Amino acid sequence: MSILSREECIELGVSTPTSALIEWAGKQISATQGHESRLQVRGVSPATLSDIRELSVVIEGRHREMGDSHHLPPEPTALAERIRADAVGY
């Protein structure tokens, strides 16, 4: 399995519907039940799982506030990302 670049992660996040990501994250958290000790050996602490749960709740709330009409990042954000990517490439 290859490691995704930052740009690939951003594109994946922009092109994947938020509701699908929230549902997937919920299923992943549910799958951790009963496997906490094994996950801790691999570096996933209870605090990390708690942070993931909290982040999912925050994202779901923001998604409800913004609605489905907000599919892409705001233009200033997209422009800043392009400038950052160009600077890193330089």
PDB file of N, CA and C in Angstrom:
ATOM      1  N   MET A   1       0.844  -1.164   0.000  1.00  0.00           N
ATOM      2  CA  MET A   1       0.000   0.000   0.000  1.00  0.00           C
ATOM      3  C   MET A   1       0.892   1.230   0.000  1.00  0.00           C
ATOM      4  N   SER A   2       0.584   2.206  -0.839  1.00  0.00           N
ATOM      5  CA  SER A   2       1.388   3.414  -0.916  1.00  0.00           C
ATOM      6  C   SER A   2       0.827   4.493   0.003  1.00  0.00           C
ATOM      7  N   ILE A   3       1.695   5.401   0.412  1.00  0.00           N
ATOM      8  CA  ILE A   3       1.298   6.520   1.261  1.00  0.00           C
ATOM      9  C   ILE A   3       0.765   7.627   0.367  1.00  0.00           C
ATOM     10  N   LEU A   4      -0.396   8.180   0.739  1.00  0.00           N
ATOM     11  CA  LEU A   4      -0.994   9.255  -0.037  1.00  0.00           C
ATOM     12  C   LEU A   4      -0.266  10.568   0.231  1.00  0.00           C
ATOM     13  N   SER A   5      -0.118  11.362  -0.820  1.00  0.00           N
ATOM     14  CA  SER A   5       0.473  12.681  -0.642  1.00  0.00           C
ATOM     15  C   SER A   5      -0.565  13.624  -0.034  1.00  0.00           C
ATOM     16  N   ARG A   6      -0.119  14.769   0.419  1.00  0.00           N
ATOM     17  CA  ARG A   6      -1.030  15.755   1.013  1.00  0.00           C
ATOM     18  C   ARG A   6      -2.094  16.162  -0.007  1.00  0.00           C
ATOM     19  N   GLU A   7      -1.673  16.387  -1.250  1.00  0.00           N
ATOM     20  CA  GLU A   7      -2.596  16.794  -2.302  1.00  0.00           C
ATOM     21  C   GLU A   7      -3.641  15.713  -2.581  1.00  0.00           C
ATOM     22  N   GLU A   8      -3.210  14.446  -2.561  1.00  0.00           N
ATOM     23  CA  GLU A   8      -4.153  13.349  -2.771  1.00  0.00           C
ATOM     24  C   GLU A   8      -5.158  13.261  -1.633  1.00  0.00           C
ATOM     25  N   CYS A   9      -4.705  13.512  -0.417  1.00  0.00           N
ATOM     26  CA  CYS A   9      -5.620  13.505   0.737  1.00  0.00           C
ATOM     27  C   CYS A   9      -6.637  14.630   0.623  1.00  0.00           C
ATOM     28  N   ILE A  10      -6.183  15.808   0.206  1.00  0.00           N
ATOM     29  CA  ILE A  10      -7.100  16.943   0.038  1.00  0.00           C
ATOM     30  C   ILE A  10      -8.119  16.624  -1.046  1.00  0.00           C
ATOM     31  N   GLU A  11      -7.678  16.102  -2.167  1.00  0.00           N
ATOM     32  CA  GLU A  11      -8.596  15.762  -3.259  1.00  0.00           C
ATOM     33  C   GLU A  11      -9.594  14.703  -2.815  1.00  0.00           C
ATOM     34  N   LEU A  12      -9.134  13.723  -2.073  1.00  0.00           N
ATOM     35  CA  LEU A  12     -10.019  12.679  -1.565  1.00  0.00           C
ATOM     36  C   LEU A  12     -11.071  13.278  -0.638  1.00  0.00           C
ATOM     37  N   GLY A  13     -10.639  14.184   0.237  1.00  0.00           N
ATOM     38  CA  GLY A  13     -11.569  14.829   1.155  1.00  0.00           C
ATOM     39  C   GLY A  13     -12.587  15.698   0.446  1.00  0.00           C
ATOM     40  N   VAL A  14     -12.166  16.391  -0.608  1.00  0.00           N
ATOM     41  CA  VAL A  14     -13.073  17.269  -1.346  1.00  0.00           C
ATOM     42  C   VAL A  14     -14.049  16.461  -2.192  1.00  0.00           C
ATOM     43  N   SER A  15     -13.588  15.359  -2.746  1.00  0.00           N
ATOM     44  CA  SER A  15     -14.435  14.612  -3.681  1.00  0.00           C
ATOM     45  C   SER A  15     -15.324  13.560  -3.025  1.00  0.00           C
ATOM     46  N   THR A  16     -15.104  13.274  -1.738  1.00  0.00           N
ATOM     47  CA  THR A  16     -15.918  12.284  -1.038  1.00  0.00           C
ATOM     48  C   THR A  16     -17.002  12.990  -0.242  1.00  0.00           C
ATOM     49  N   PRO A  17     -18.258  12.583  -0.405  1.00  0.00           N
ATOM     50  CA  PRO A  17     -19.340  13.227   0.341  1.00  0.00           C
ATOM     51  C   PRO A  17     -19.126  13.104   1.856  1.00  0.00           C
ATOM     52  N   THR A  18     -19.382  14.192   2.565  1.00  0.00           N
ATOM     53  CA  THR A  18     -19.172  14.229   4.014  1.00  0.00           C
ATOM     54  C   THR A  18     -19.979  13.162   4.729  1.00  0.00           C
ATOM     55  N   SER A  19     -21.217  12.967   4.306  1.00  0.00           N
ATOM     56  CA  SER A  19     -22.055  11.972   4.986  1.00  0.00           C
ATOM     57  C   SER A  19     -21.456  10.578   4.888  1.00  0.00           C
ATOM     58  N   ALA A  20     -20.852  10.254   3.744  1.00  0.00           N
ATOM     59  CA  ALA A  20     -20.210   8.942   3.591  1.00  0.00           C
ATOM     60  C   ALA A  20     -18.994   8.818   4.513  1.00  0.00           C
ATOM     61  N   LEU A  21     -18.222   9.896   4.659  1.00  0.00           N
ATOM     62  CA  LEU A  21     -17.060   9.864   5.546  1.00  0.00           C
ATOM     63  C   LEU A  21     -17.476   9.715   7.005  1.00  0.00           C
ATOM     64  N   ILE A  22     -18.543  10.418   7.394  1.00  0.00           N
ATOM     65  CA  ILE A  22     -19.029  10.322   8.772  1.00  0.00           C
ATOM     66  C   ILE A  22     -19.513   8.903   9.060  1.00  0.00           C
ATOM     67  N   GLU A  23     -20.235   8.334   8.121  1.00  0.00           N
ATOM     68  CA  GLU A  23     -20.729   6.960   8.293  1.00  0.00           C
ATOM     69  C   GLU A  23     -19.561   5.981   8.401  1.00  0.00           C
ATOM     70  N   TRP A  24     -18.572   6.135   7.523  1.00  0.00           N
ATOM     71  CA  TRP A  24     -17.403   5.252   7.530  1.00  0.00           C
ATOM     72  C   TRP A  24     -16.645   5.371   8.849  1.00  0.00           C
ATOM     73  N   ALA A  25     -16.439   6.612   9.325  1.00  0.00           N
ATOM     74  CA  ALA A  25     -15.714   6.815  10.585  1.00  0.00           C
ATOM     75  C   ALA A  25     -16.458   6.153  11.741  1.00  0.00           C
ATOM     76  N   GLY A  26     -17.780   6.253  11.741  1.00  0.00           N
ATOM     77  CA  GLY A  26     -18.578   5.611  12.792  1.00  0.00           C
ATOM     78  C   GLY A  26     -18.412   4.103  12.784  1.00  0.00           C
ATOM     79  N   LYS A  27     -18.401   3.523  11.598  1.00  0.00           N
ATOM     80  CA  LYS A  27     -18.210   2.069  11.490  1.00  0.00           C
ATOM     81  C   LYS A  27     -16.806   1.659  11.938  1.00  0.00           C
ATOM     82  N   GLN A  28     -15.804   2.474  11.622  1.00  0.00           N
ATOM     83  CA  GLN A  28     -14.439   2.163  12.039  1.00  0.00           C
ATOM     84  C   GLN A  28     -14.306   2.220  13.558  1.00  0.00           C
ATOM     85  N   ILE A  29     -14.908   3.230  14.163  1.00  0.00           N
ATOM     86  CA  ILE A  29     -14.874   3.344  15.630  1.00  0.00           C
ATOM     87  C   ILE A  29     -15.608   2.158  16.262  1.00  0.00           C
ATOM     88  N   SER A  30     -16.740   1.770  15.694  1.00  0.00           N
ATOM     89  CA  SER A  30     -17.488   0.619  16.214  1.00  0.00           C
ATOM     90  C   SER A  30     -16.654  -0.660  16.126  1.00  0.00           C
ATOM     91  N   ALA A  31     -15.867  -0.775  15.074  1.00  0.00           N
ATOM     92  CA  ALA A  31     -15.037  -1.967  14.880  1.00  0.00           C
ATOM     93  C   ALA A  31     -13.909  -2.057  15.908  1.00  0.00           C
ATOM     94  N   THR A  32     -13.590  -0.947  16.568  1.00  0.00           N
ATOM     95  CA  THR A  32     -12.521  -0.982  17.569  1.00  0.00           C
ATOM     96  C   THR A  32     -12.975  -1.577  18.891  1.00  0.00           C
ATOM     97  N   GLN A  33     -14.281  -1.670  19.106  1.00  0.00           N
ATOM     98  CA  GLN A  33     -14.807  -2.185  20.372  1.00  0.00           C
ATOM     99  C   GLN A  33     -14.280  -3.602  20.624  1.00  0.00           C
ATOM    100  N   GLY A  34     -13.682  -3.779  21.775  1.00  0.00           N
ATOM    101  CA  GLY A  34     -13.149  -5.088  22.137  1.00  0.00           C
ATOM    102  C   GLY A  34     -11.726  -5.332  21.664  1.00  0.00           C
ATOM    103  N   HIS A  35     -11.183  -4.407  20.880  1.00  0.00           N
ATOM    104  CA  HIS A  35      -9.827  -4.578  20.352  1.00  0.00           C
ATOM    105  C   HIS A  35      -8.889  -3.475  20.835  1.00  0.00           C
ATOM    106  N   GLU A  36      -9.276  -2.796  21.908  1.00  0.00           N
ATOM    107  CA  GLU A  36      -8.515  -1.644  22.370  1.00  0.00           C
ATOM    108  C   GLU A  36      -7.078  -1.992  22.754  1.00  0.00           C
ATOM    109  N   SER A  37      -6.884  -3.121  23.429  1.00  0.00           N
ATOM    110  CA  SER A  37      -5.522  -3.474  23.862  1.00  0.00           C
ATOM    111  C   SER A  37      -4.628  -3.764  22.661  1.00  0.00           C
ATOM    112  N   ARG A  38      -5.168  -4.441  21.666  1.00  0.00           N
ATOM    113  CA  ARG A  38      -4.386  -4.729  20.462  1.00  0.00           C
ATOM    114  C   ARG A  38      -4.049  -3.439  19.716  1.00  0.00           C
ATOM    115  N   LEU A  39      -5.017  -2.516  19.675  1.00  0.00           N
ATOM    116  CA  LEU A  39      -4.781  -1.246  18.999  1.00  0.00           C
ATOM    117  C   LEU A  39      -3.750  -0.408  19.750  1.00  0.00           C
ATOM    118  N   GLN A  40      -3.778  -0.483  21.078  1.00  0.00           N
ATOM    119  CA  GLN A  40      -2.834   0.288  21.874  1.00  0.00           C
ATOM    120  C   GLN A  40      -1.403  -0.167  21.606  1.00  0.00           C
ATOM    121  N   VAL A  41      -1.214  -1.464  21.396  1.00  0.00           N
ATOM    122  CA  VAL A  41       0.116  -1.985  21.049  1.00  0.00           C
ATOM    123  C   VAL A  41       0.589  -1.382  19.728  1.00  0.00           C
ATOM    124  N   ARG A  42      -0.353  -1.070  18.864  1.00  0.00           N
ATOM    125  CA  ARG A  42      -0.022  -0.490  17.553  1.00  0.00           C
ATOM    126  C   ARG A  42      -0.017   1.036  17.562  1.00  0.00           C
ATOM    127  N   GLY A  43      -0.127   1.627  18.746  1.00  0.00           N
ATOM    128  CA  GLY A  43      -0.009   3.074  18.860  1.00  0.00           C
ATOM    129  C   GLY A  43      -1.314   3.846  18.850  1.00  0.00           C
ATOM    130  N   VAL A  44      -2.444   3.151  18.878  1.00  0.00           N
ATOM    131  CA  VAL A  44      -3.745   3.813  18.899  1.00  0.00           C
ATOM    132  C   VAL A  44      -4.268   3.769  20.328  1.00  0.00           C
ATOM    133  N   SER A  45      -4.155   4.887  21.008  1.00  0.00           N
ATOM    134  CA  SER A  45      -4.538   4.946  22.420  1.00  0.00           C
ATOM    135  C   SER A  45      -6.031   5.253  22.571  1.00  0.00           C
ATOM    136  N   PRO A  46      -6.572   5.021  23.761  1.00  0.00           N
ATOM    137  CA  PRO A  46      -7.967   5.401  24.004  1.00  0.00           C
ATOM    138  C   PRO A  46      -8.213   6.893  23.752  1.00  0.00           C
ATOM    139  N   ALA A  47      -7.207   7.724  24.040  1.00  0.00           N
ATOM    140  CA  ALA A  47      -7.330   9.165  23.790  1.00  0.00           C
ATOM    141  C   ALA A  47      -7.466   9.443  22.298  1.00  0.00           C
ATOM    142  N   THR A  48      -6.737   8.702  21.478  1.00  0.00           N
ATOM    143  CA  THR A  48      -6.832   8.868  20.027  1.00  0.00           C
ATOM    144  C   THR A  48      -8.229   8.499  19.537  1.00  0.00           C
ATOM    145  N   LEU A  49      -8.754   7.387  20.019  1.00  0.00           N
ATOM    146  CA  LEU A  49     -10.105   6.968  19.628  1.00  0.00           C
ATOM    147  C   LEU A  49     -11.137   7.995  20.076  1.00  0.00           C
ATOM    148  N   SER A  50     -10.950   8.548  21.260  1.00  0.00           N
ATOM    149  CA  SER A  50     -11.851   9.581  21.763  1.00  0.00           C
ATOM    150  C   SER A  50     -11.783  10.827  20.888  1.00  0.00           C
ATOM    151  N   ASP A  51     -10.577  11.208  20.483  1.00  0.00           N
ATOM    152  CA  ASP A  51     -10.410  12.368  19.602  1.00  0.00           C
ATOM    153  C   ASP A  51     -11.098  12.142  18.258  1.00  0.00           C
ATOM    154  N   ILE A  52     -11.011  10.926  17.734  1.00  0.00           N
ATOM    155  CA  ILE A  52     -11.658  10.608  16.460  1.00  0.00           C
ATOM    156  C   ILE A  52     -13.173  10.713  16.605  1.00  0.00           C
ATOM    157  N   ARG A  53     -13.697  10.208  17.711  1.00  0.00           N
ATOM    158  CA  ARG A  53     -15.150  10.320  17.957  1.00  0.00           C
ATOM    159  C   ARG A  53     -15.581  11.782  18.021  1.00  0.00           C
ATOM    160  N   GLU A  54     -14.827  12.583  18.783  1.00  0.00           N
ATOM    161  CA  GLU A  54     -15.156  14.001  18.922  1.00  0.00           C
ATOM    162  C   GLU A  54     -15.066  14.728  17.585  1.00  0.00           C
ATOM    163  N   LEU A  55     -14.048  14.416  16.801  1.00  0.00           N
ATOM    164  CA  LEU A  55     -13.893  15.045  15.495  1.00  0.00           C
ATOM    165  C   LEU A  55     -15.064  14.699  14.584  1.00  0.00           C
ATOM    166  N   SER A  56     -15.513  13.459  14.624  1.00  0.00           N
ATOM    167  CA  SER A  56     -16.665  13.044  13.813  1.00  0.00           C
ATOM    168  C   SER A  56     -17.912  13.828  14.195  1.00  0.00           C
ATOM    169  N   VAL A  57     -18.105  14.036  15.493  1.00  0.00           N
ATOM    170  CA  VAL A  57     -19.262  14.803  15.964  1.00  0.00           C
ATOM    171  C   VAL A  57     -19.177  16.252  15.484  1.00  0.00           C
ATOM    172  N   VAL A  58     -17.992  16.845  15.574  1.00  0.00           N
ATOM    173  CA  VAL A  58     -17.806  18.230  15.136  1.00  0.00           C
ATOM    174  C   VAL A  58     -18.052  18.343  13.634  1.00  0.00           C
ATOM    175  N   ILE A  59     -17.497  17.424  12.862  1.00  0.00           N
ATOM    176  CA  ILE A  59     -17.663  17.468  11.404  1.00  0.00           C
ATOM    177  C   ILE A  59     -19.123  17.277  11.033  1.00  0.00           C
ATOM    178  N   GLU A  60     -19.793  16.352  11.699  1.00  0.00           N
ATOM    179  CA  GLU A  60     -21.209  16.129  11.411  1.00  0.00           C
ATOM    180  C   GLU A  60     -22.025  17.390  11.718  1.00  0.00           C
ATOM    181  N   GLY A  61     -21.716  18.057  12.822  1.00  0.00           N
ATOM    182  CA  GLY A  61     -22.410  19.289  13.173  1.00  0.00           C
ATOM    183  C   GLY A  61     -22.168  20.395  12.157  1.00  0.00           C
ATOM    184  N   ARG A  62     -20.915  20.562  11.742  1.00  0.00           N
ATOM    185  CA  ARG A  62     -20.589  21.578  10.726  1.00  0.00           C
ATOM    186  C   ARG A  62     -21.263  21.261   9.399  1.00  0.00           C
ATOM    187  N   HIS A  63     -21.328  19.980   9.077  1.00  0.00           N
ATOM    188  CA  HIS A  63     -21.976  19.570   7.824  1.00  0.00           C
ATOM    189  C   HIS A  63     -23.460  19.939   7.863  1.00  0.00           C
ATOM    190  N   ARG A  64     -24.101  19.716   9.002  1.00  0.00           N
ATOM    191  CA  ARG A  64     -25.509  20.082   9.142  1.00  0.00           C
ATOM    192  C   ARG A  64     -25.691  21.595   9.018  1.00  0.00           C
ATOM    193  N   GLU A  65     -24.774  22.362   9.630  1.00  0.00           N
ATOM    194  CA  GLU A  65     -24.852  23.825   9.566  1.00  0.00           C
ATOM    195  C   GLU A  65     -24.702  24.344   8.140  1.00  0.00           C
ATOM    196  N   MET A  66     -23.752  23.778   7.406  1.00  0.00           N
ATOM    197  CA  MET A  66     -23.453  24.263   6.068  1.00  0.00           C
ATOM    198  C   MET A  66     -24.370  23.653   5.018  1.00  0.00           C
ATOM    199  N   GLY A  67     -24.903  22.488   5.294  1.00  0.00           N
ATOM    200  CA  GLY A  67     -25.759  21.826   4.325  1.00  0.00           C
ATOM    201  C   GLY A  67     -24.955  21.194   3.206  1.00  0.00           C
ATOM    202  N   ASP A  68     -25.669  20.606   2.264  1.00  0.00           N
ATOM    203  CA  ASP A  68     -25.009  19.919   1.141  1.00  0.00           C
ATOM    204  C   ASP A  68     -24.539  20.869   0.052  1.00  0.00           C
ATOM    205  N   SER A  69     -24.878  22.147   0.159  1.00  0.00           N
ATOM    206  CA  SER A  69     -24.512  23.083  -0.903  1.00  0.00           C
ATOM    207  C   SER A  69     -23.029  23.419  -0.890  1.00  0.00           C
ATOM    208  N   HIS A  70     -22.340  23.129   0.196  1.00  0.00           N
ATOM    209  CA  HIS A  70     -20.920  23.470   0.317  1.00  0.00           C
ATOM    210  C   HIS A  70     -20.066  22.251  -0.037  1.00  0.00           C
ATOM    211  N   HIS A  71     -19.785  22.090  -1.320  1.00  0.00           N
ATOM    212  CA  HIS A  71     -19.042  20.913  -1.775  1.00  0.00           C
ATOM    213  C   HIS A  71     -17.542  21.161  -1.895  1.00  0.00           C
ATOM    214  N   LEU A  72     -17.138  22.352  -2.247  1.00  0.00           N
ATOM    215  CA  LEU A  72     -15.733  22.647  -2.475  1.00  0.00           C
ATOM    216  C   LEU A  72     -15.234  23.644  -1.435  1.00  0.00           C
ATOM    217  N   PRO A  73     -13.920  23.706  -1.225  1.00  0.00           N
ATOM    218  CA  PRO A  73     -13.416  24.708  -0.287  1.00  0.00           C
ATOM    219  C   PRO A  73     -13.661  26.107  -0.845  1.00  0.00           C
ATOM    220  N   PRO A  74     -13.780  27.106   0.045  1.00  0.00           N
ATOM    221  CA  PRO A  74     -13.964  28.476  -0.436  1.00  0.00           C
ATOM    222  C   PRO A  74     -12.816  28.878  -1.359  1.00  0.00           C
ATOM    223  N   GLU A  75     -13.079  29.761  -2.295  1.00  0.00           N
ATOM    224  CA  GLU A  75     -12.073  30.165  -3.274  1.00  0.00           C
ATOM    225  C   GLU A  75     -10.781  30.667  -2.626  1.00  0.00           C
ATOM    226  N   PRO A  76     -10.842  31.512  -1.562  1.00  0.00           N
ATOM    227  CA  PRO A  76      -9.577  31.930  -0.941  1.00  0.00           C
ATOM    228  C   PRO A  76      -8.766  30.744  -0.408  1.00  0.00           C
ATOM    229  N   THR A  77      -9.444  29.736   0.115  1.00  0.00           N
ATOM    230  CA  THR A  77      -8.752  28.553   0.628  1.00  0.00           C
ATOM    231  C   THR A  77      -8.114  27.777  -0.518  1.00  0.00           C
ATOM    232  N   ALA A  78      -8.849  27.613  -1.601  1.00  0.00           N
ATOM    233  CA  ALA A  78      -8.311  26.901  -2.764  1.00  0.00           C
ATOM    234  C   ALA A  78      -7.104  27.640  -3.329  1.00  0.00           C
ATOM    235  N   LEU A  79      -7.178  28.964  -3.407  1.00  0.00           N
ATOM    236  CA  LEU A  79      -6.058  29.758  -3.913  1.00  0.00           C
ATOM    237  C   LEU A  79      -4.847  29.634  -2.989  1.00  0.00           C
ATOM    238  N   ALA A  80      -5.076  29.717  -1.686  1.00  0.00           N
ATOM    239  CA  ALA A  80      -3.967  29.584  -0.727  1.00  0.00           C
ATOM    240  C   ALA A  80      -3.318  28.209  -0.844  1.00  0.00           C
ATOM    241  N   GLU A  81      -4.115  27.179  -1.052  1.00  0.00           N
ATOM    242  CA  GLU A  81      -3.562  25.822  -1.189  1.00  0.00           C
ATOM    243  C   GLU A  81      -2.722  25.717  -2.459  1.00  0.00           C
ATOM    244  N   ARG A  82      -3.186  26.310  -3.563  1.00  0.00           N
ATOM    245  CA  ARG A  82      -2.411  26.277  -4.805  1.00  0.00           C
ATOM    246  C   ARG A  82      -1.079  27.002  -4.637  1.00  0.00           C
ATOM    247  N   ILE A  83      -1.111  28.163  -3.951  1.00  0.00           N
ATOM    248  CA  ILE A  83       0.122  28.939  -3.718  1.00  0.00           C
ATOM    249  C   ILE A  83       1.066  28.130  -2.835  1.00  0.00           C
ATOM    250  N   ARG A  84       0.544  27.483  -1.781  1.00  0.00           N
ATOM    251  CA  ARG A  84       1.370  26.670  -0.902  1.00  0.00           C
ATOM    252  C   ARG A  84       2.013  25.526  -1.656  1.00  0.00           C
ATOM    253  N   ALA A  85       1.199  24.852  -2.489  1.00  0.00           N
ATOM    254  CA  ALA A  85       1.724  23.718  -3.273  1.00  0.00           C
ATOM    255  C   ALA A  85       2.811  24.171  -4.235  1.00  0.00           C
ATOM    256  N   ASP A  86       2.621  25.341  -4.880  1.00  0.00           N
ATOM    257  CA  ASP A  86       3.637  25.875  -5.788  1.00  0.00           C
ATOM    258  C   ASP A  86       4.921  26.202  -5.032  1.00  0.00           C
ATOM    259  N   ALA A  87       4.771  26.787  -3.828  1.00  0.00           N
ATOM    260  CA  ALA A  87       5.942  27.155  -3.031  1.00  0.00           C
ATOM    261  C   ALA A  87       6.720  25.907  -2.605  1.00  0.00           C
ATOM    262  N   VAL A  88       5.996  24.883  -2.183  1.00  0.00           N
ATOM    263  CA  VAL A  88       6.667  23.647  -1.787  1.00  0.00           C
ATOM    264  C   VAL A  88       7.348  22.995  -2.997  1.00  0.00           C
ATOM    265  N   GLY A  89       6.684  23.048  -4.151  1.00  0.00           N
ATOM    266  CA  GLY A  89       7.269  22.487  -5.370  1.00  0.00           C
ATOM    267  C   GLY A  89       8.515  23.227  -5.826  1.00  0.00           C
ATOM    268  N   TYR A  90       8.551  24.516  -5.554  1.00  0.00           N
ATOM    269  CA  TYR A  90       9.693  25.335  -5.948  1.00  0.00           C
ATOM    270  C   TYR A  90      10.903  24.977  -5.113  1.00  0.00           C
TER     271      TYR A  90
END
